[in-house]
Amino acid sequence: MDLKFTGRGAAFNVLEGNTNAYFVEDDKMFMIDCGETMFEAIRKRGVLQGIKEVYVVVSHTHSDHCGSLGSFGLYCQFVLQSKLKIVINPAMWTIISLTTAVLP
C-alpha cells in the first residue's frame, strides 16, 4: 500500500490543500477524508482512471474533511457508474446526508 496525500494544509491553509490521503489497490480507491480540495486534486492527478470502486472514511464533518463528498459522490455515480461507499460514525450520517448529494 502506497499512501499518498493530496495536501498538507488545514482548514485555513488553503494554499497547500486539505490534508486528505488515498491509496489504490487494483481497481479500488480508498480515501481518508474527502475535503474541499480532494476531488479536484485527484482529478488533476488522473487517479480515477480505471477505478471501479471508491471507499472514503470520513473522520469528522468539518468541510476540510468532507467538503467534496457531494460532487465526488455524483461523479462516482454518473461517470464511474459506481456508488461512493462512505464509512462514518453512524451519528454523523444525518449531517453528511443533509449537506451532500450522497444518498444511502
C-alpha atoms as a PDB file:
ATOM      1  CA  MET A   1       0.000   0.000   0.000  1.00  0.00           C
ATOM      2  CA  ASP A   2       1.327   3.398  -1.025  1.00  0.00           C
ATOM      3  CA  LEU A   3      -0.498   6.129   0.939  1.00  0.00           C
ATOM      4  CA  LYS A   4      -0.490   9.437  -0.942  1.00  0.00           C
ATOM      5  CA  PHE A   5      -1.503  12.820   0.417  1.00  0.00           C
ATOM      6  CA  THR A   6      -3.291  15.408  -1.708  1.00  0.00           C
ATOM      7  CA  GLY A   7      -2.295  18.278   0.524  1.00  0.00           C
ATOM      8  CA  ARG A   8      -0.692  19.200   3.778  1.00  0.00           C
ATOM      9  CA  GLY A   9      -2.655  22.264   4.723  1.00  0.00           C
ATOM     10  CA  ALA A  10      -5.575  22.654   7.065  1.00  0.00           C
ATOM     11  CA  ALA A  11      -8.963  24.335   7.133  1.00  0.00           C
ATOM     12  CA  PHE A  12      -7.398  27.793   6.917  1.00  0.00           C
ATOM     13  CA  ASN A  13      -4.270  26.935   4.926  1.00  0.00           C
ATOM     14  CA  VAL A  14      -5.889  26.716   1.500  1.00  0.00           C
ATOM     15  CA  LEU A  15      -2.651  27.206  -0.444  1.00  0.00           C
ATOM     16  CA  GLU A  16      -1.472  23.695   0.434  1.00  0.00           C
ATOM     17  CA  GLY A  17      -4.814  21.887   0.079  1.00  0.00           C
ATOM     18  CA  ASN A  18      -6.676  19.863   2.647  1.00  0.00           C
ATOM     19  CA  THR A  19      -4.777  17.142   4.460  1.00  0.00           C
ATOM     20  CA  ASN A  20      -6.538  14.155   2.891  1.00  0.00           C
ATOM     21  CA  ALA A  21      -4.983  10.902   1.708  1.00  0.00           C
ATOM     22  CA  TYR A  22      -5.693   7.931  -0.540  1.00  0.00           C
ATOM     23  CA  PHE A  23      -4.305   4.667  -1.839  1.00  0.00           C
ATOM     24  CA  VAL A  24      -5.253   2.477  -4.776  1.00  0.00           C
ATOM     25  CA  GLU A  25      -5.389  -1.310  -4.856  1.00  0.00           C
ATOM     26  CA  ASP A  26      -6.240  -2.863  -8.228  1.00  0.00           C
ATOM     27  CA  ASP A  27      -9.396  -1.024  -9.388  1.00  0.00           C
ATOM     28  CA  LYS A  28     -10.367   0.225  -5.906  1.00  0.00           C
ATOM     29  CA  MET A  29      -9.555   3.566  -4.326  1.00  0.00           C
ATOM     30  CA  PHE A  30      -9.557   4.082  -0.561  1.00  0.00           C
ATOM     31  CA  MET A  31      -9.660   7.637   0.801  1.00  0.00           C
ATOM     32  CA  ILE A  32      -9.124   9.138   4.221  1.00  0.00           C
ATOM     33  CA  ASP A  33     -11.462  12.117   4.239  1.00  0.00           C
ATOM     34  CA  CYS A  34     -12.713  13.989   1.191  1.00  0.00           C
ATOM     35  CA  GLY A  35     -12.203  17.673   1.937  1.00  0.00           C
ATOM     36  CA  GLU A  36     -12.971  20.670  -0.236  1.00  0.00           C
ATOM     37  CA  THR A  37      -9.801  20.265  -2.333  1.00  0.00           C
ATOM     38  CA  MET A  38      -9.707  16.451  -2.577  1.00  0.00           C
ATOM     39  CA  PHE A  39     -11.898  15.896  -5.646  1.00  0.00           C
ATOM     40  CA  GLU A  40     -10.040  18.476  -7.722  1.00  0.00           C
ATOM     41  CA  ALA A  41      -6.654  17.110  -6.603  1.00  0.00           C
ATOM     42  CA  ILE A  42      -7.368  13.503  -7.575  1.00  0.00           C
ATOM     43  CA  ARG A  43      -8.966  14.546 -10.887  1.00  0.00           C
ATOM     44  CA  LYS A  44      -5.875  16.591 -11.815  1.00  0.00           C
ATOM     45  CA  ARG A  45      -3.592  13.676 -10.945  1.00  0.00           C
ATOM     46  CA  GLY A  46      -5.574  11.233 -13.120  1.00  0.00           C
ATOM     47  CA  VAL A  47      -6.024   8.904 -10.159  1.00  0.00           C
ATOM     48  CA  LEU A  48      -9.563   7.946 -11.150  1.00  0.00           C
ATOM     49  CA  GLN A  49      -8.577   6.259 -14.427  1.00  0.00           C
ATOM     50  CA  GLY A  50      -9.630   2.610 -14.231  1.00  0.00           C
ATOM     51  CA  ILE A  51     -11.187   2.950 -10.767  1.00  0.00           C
ATOM     52  CA  LYS A  52     -14.383   0.924 -10.320  1.00  0.00           C
ATOM     53  CA  GLU A  53     -14.993   1.245  -6.573  1.00  0.00           C
ATOM     54  CA  VAL A  54     -14.313   4.109  -4.166  1.00  0.00           C
ATOM     55  CA  TYR A  55     -14.386   3.970  -0.371  1.00  0.00           C
ATOM     56  CA  VAL A  56     -13.958   7.030   1.834  1.00  0.00           C
ATOM     57  CA  VAL A  57     -13.531   7.138   5.606  1.00  0.00           C
ATOM     58  CA  VAL A  58     -14.781  10.455   6.992  1.00  0.00           C
ATOM     59  CA  SER A  59     -13.157  11.364  10.293  1.00  0.00           C
ATOM     60  CA  HIS A  60     -15.483  14.278  11.099  1.00  0.00           C
ATOM     61  CA  THR A  61     -17.773  16.781   9.409  1.00  0.00           C
ATOM     62  CA  HIS A  62     -15.607  19.884   9.058  1.00  0.00           C
ATOM     63  CA  SER A  63     -15.590  20.951   5.417  1.00  0.00           C
ATOM     64  CA  ASP A  64     -11.855  20.321   5.047  1.00  0.00           C
ATOM     65  CA  HIS A  65     -12.660  16.651   5.722  1.00  0.00           C
ATOM     66  CA  CYS A  66     -15.973  16.133   3.876  1.00  0.00           C
ATOM     67  CA  GLY A  67     -16.487  19.173   1.625  1.00  0.00           C
ATOM     68  CA  SER A  68     -16.077  17.292  -1.687  1.00  0.00           C
ATOM     69  CA  LEU A  69     -18.416  14.403  -0.869  1.00  0.00           C
ATOM     70  CA  GLY A  70     -21.389  15.823  -2.783  1.00  0.00           C
ATOM     71  CA  SER A  71     -19.693  16.457  -6.112  1.00  0.00           C
ATOM     72  CA  PHE A  72     -17.431  13.429  -5.805  1.00  0.00           C
ATOM     73  CA  GLY A  73     -20.404  11.178  -4.994  1.00  0.00           C
ATOM     74  CA  LEU A  74     -22.202  12.381  -8.125  1.00  0.00           C
ATOM     75  CA  TYR A  75     -19.039  11.852 -10.189  1.00  0.00           C
ATOM     76  CA  CYS A  76     -18.775   8.282  -8.924  1.00  0.00           C
ATOM     77  CA  GLN A  77     -22.422   7.606  -9.697  1.00  0.00           C
ATOM     78  CA  PHE A  78     -22.641   9.145 -13.158  1.00  0.00           C
ATOM     79  CA  VAL A  79     -19.088   8.894 -14.533  1.00  0.00           C
ATOM     80  CA  LEU A  80     -17.610   5.859 -12.793  1.00  0.00           C
ATOM     81  CA  GLN A  81     -21.021   4.125 -12.689  1.00  0.00           C
ATOM     82  CA  SER A  82     -20.421   3.153  -9.065  1.00  0.00           C
ATOM     83  CA  LYS A  83     -21.795   4.289  -5.726  1.00  0.00           C
ATOM     84  CA  LEU A  84     -19.386   6.040  -3.391  1.00  0.00           C
ATOM     85  CA  LYS A  85     -19.045   3.938  -0.237  1.00  0.00           C
ATOM     86  CA  ILE A  86     -18.802   6.139   2.847  1.00  0.00           C
ATOM     87  CA  VAL A  87     -17.525   4.841   6.181  1.00  0.00           C
ATOM     88  CA  ILE A  88     -18.526   7.080   9.084  1.00  0.00           C
ATOM     89  CA  ASN A  89     -19.631   7.030  12.675  1.00  0.00           C
ATOM     90  CA  PRO A  90     -23.416   6.426  12.437  1.00  0.00           C
ATOM     91  CA  ALA A  91     -24.075   9.585  14.468  1.00  0.00           C
ATOM     92  CA  MET A  92     -22.599  11.661  11.603  1.00  0.00           C
ATOM     93  CA  TRP A  93     -24.867  10.243   8.879  1.00  0.00           C
ATOM     94  CA  THR A  94     -27.618  12.849   9.318  1.00  0.00           C
ATOM     95  CA  ILE A  95     -25.159  15.707   8.863  1.00  0.00           C
ATOM     96  CA  ILE A  96     -23.485  14.078   5.850  1.00  0.00           C
ATOM     97  CA  SER A  97     -26.772  13.235   4.112  1.00  0.00           C
ATOM     98  CA  LEU A  98     -28.210  16.721   4.661  1.00  0.00           C
ATOM     99  CA  THR A  99     -25.166  18.560   3.307  1.00  0.00           C
ATOM    100  CA  THR A 100     -24.301  16.408   0.284  1.00  0.00           C
ATOM    101  CA  ALA A 101     -25.985  14.797  -2.680  1.00  0.00           C
ATOM    102  CA  VAL A 102     -24.826  11.372  -1.495  1.00  0.00           C
ATOM    103  CA  LEU A 103     -27.704   9.052  -0.737  1.00  0.00           C
ATOM    104  CA  PRO A 104     -27.644   5.842   1.344  1.00  0.00           C
END
